[in-house]
Protein backbone atom coordinates (compact mmCIF):
# COMPACT_ATOMS: atom_id res chain seq x y z
CA MET A 1 6.03 16.89 4.45
CA TYR A 2 8.32 15.26 1.97
CA ALA A 3 9.01 16.05 -1.76
CA ARG A 4 10.14 14.07 -4.87
CA VAL A 5 11.99 16.15 -7.50
CA THR A 6 12.33 14.69 -10.76
CA THR A 7 14.47 16.34 -13.46
CA THR A 8 13.40 15.14 -17.24
CA GLN A 9 14.61 16.26 -20.38
CA GLY A 10 12.42 15.86 -23.29
CA ASN A 11 11.79 17.39 -26.89
CA PRO A 12 10.79 20.92 -26.80
CA ASP A 13 8.22 20.31 -29.31
CA GLN A 14 6.51 17.83 -27.12
CA ILE A 15 6.10 20.09 -24.21
CA ASP A 16 2.47 20.73 -24.71
CA GLU A 17 1.70 16.96 -25.16
CA ALA A 18 3.61 16.23 -21.92
CA THR A 19 1.78 18.96 -20.13
CA ASN A 20 -1.55 17.52 -21.30
CA LEU A 21 -0.59 14.03 -20.06
CA VAL A 22 0.29 15.14 -16.83
CA ARG A 23 -2.72 17.43 -16.24
CA ASP A 24 -5.42 14.83 -17.33
CA THR A 25 -3.96 11.33 -16.60
CA ILE A 26 -1.13 11.64 -13.84
CA VAL A 27 -2.29 14.25 -11.68
CA PRO A 28 -5.59 12.33 -11.50
CA ALA A 29 -4.18 9.11 -10.67
CA LEU A 30 -1.65 10.69 -8.05
CA GLN A 31 -4.42 12.68 -6.43
CA GLN A 32 -5.92 8.86 -5.50
CA ARG A 33 -2.79 8.08 -3.37
CA THR A 34 -2.17 8.33 0.22
CA GLY A 35 -0.73 10.88 1.60
CA PHE A 36 -0.36 12.89 -1.92
CA GLU A 37 -0.44 16.58 -0.84
CA GLY A 38 0.55 18.53 -4.49
CA TYR A 39 2.08 18.62 -7.60
CA LEU A 40 4.18 21.20 -9.72
CA LEU A 41 5.44 20.70 -13.33
CA LEU A 42 8.10 23.24 -14.32
CA ALA A 43 9.30 23.53 -17.82
CA ASP A 44 11.77 25.53 -20.20
CA ARG A 45 9.83 25.49 -23.62
CA GLY A 46 13.30 26.24 -25.28
CA THR A 47 15.03 23.47 -24.20
CA GLY A 48 12.55 20.74 -22.97
CA LYS A 49 13.97 20.73 -19.67
CA GLY A 50 11.34 19.69 -17.08
CA ILE A 51 11.17 19.53 -13.08
CA THR A 52 8.15 17.57 -11.42
CA ILE A 53 7.57 18.29 -7.61
CA THR A 54 5.45 16.10 -5.87
CA LEU A 55 4.61 16.70 -2.31
CA TRP A 56 3.52 14.06 0.19
CA ASP A 57 2.29 13.93 3.79
CA SER A 58 4.69 11.41 4.92
CA GLU A 59 8.04 9.74 3.94
CA ALA A 60 6.30 6.39 3.71
CA ASP A 61 3.63 7.72 1.50
CA ARG A 62 6.38 9.32 -0.94
CA GLU A 63 8.30 6.19 -0.93
CA ALA A 64 5.06 4.00 -1.71
CA SER A 65 4.79 5.95 -4.90
CA GLY A 66 8.50 6.05 -5.77
CA PRO A 67 10.51 4.05 -8.16
CA GLY A 68 10.01 0.50 -8.00
CA SER A 69 6.18 0.90 -6.97
CA GLU A 70 3.47 -0.25 -9.49
CA ALA A 71 2.20 3.40 -9.45
CA TYR A 72 5.51 4.81 -10.53
CA LYS A 73 6.05 2.17 -13.33
CA GLU A 74 2.56 3.06 -14.67
CA VAL A 75 3.55 6.68 -14.78
CA MET A 76 6.87 6.16 -16.40
CA ALA A 77 5.34 3.91 -19.09
CA LYS A 78 3.25 6.93 -20.15
CA VAL A 79 5.81 9.53 -19.87
CA ALA A 80 9.09 7.45 -21.51
CA PRO A 81 8.03 7.97 -24.81
CA LEU A 82 8.29 12.02 -24.37
CA LEU A 83 11.71 11.60 -22.70
CA THR A 84 14.96 11.85 -24.29
CA ALA A 85 17.19 10.86 -21.21
CA GLU A 86 16.86 9.09 -18.02
CA PRO A 87 14.92 11.03 -15.41
CA VAL A 88 16.99 12.19 -12.15
CA ILE A 89 15.16 11.57 -9.08
CA GLU A 90 15.84 13.19 -5.65
CA ASN A 91 13.75 12.69 -2.27
CA LEU A 92 13.89 15.82 -0.26
CA GLU A 93 12.14 16.91 2.96
CA VAL A 94 10.18 20.15 2.73
CA LEU A 95 11.39 22.68 5.39
CA VAL A 96 9.34 25.46 4.38
CA GLN A 97 6.32 25.78 2.73
CA ALA A 98 4.66 29.54 2.05
């Protein structure tokens, strides 16, 4: 399994708005993607820092939804107004899942 870890910074006052956007729009769209295995959104309400982890069946599935893809551009167009800095993206392999 493969993961994309995205660290974001937003306004702490918009955490609930971002959460609703992810739950109601972004996750349902990702669930339609080939190889999608899961989504985690972690946040610090005090600072507005967020960490998103998406899980993918294969490296190819992860890459097909990554930066440069139309799917990623659509997600970023929706999320960008809530961010105060550029996201930091890391692609990793899942070695242990419990």
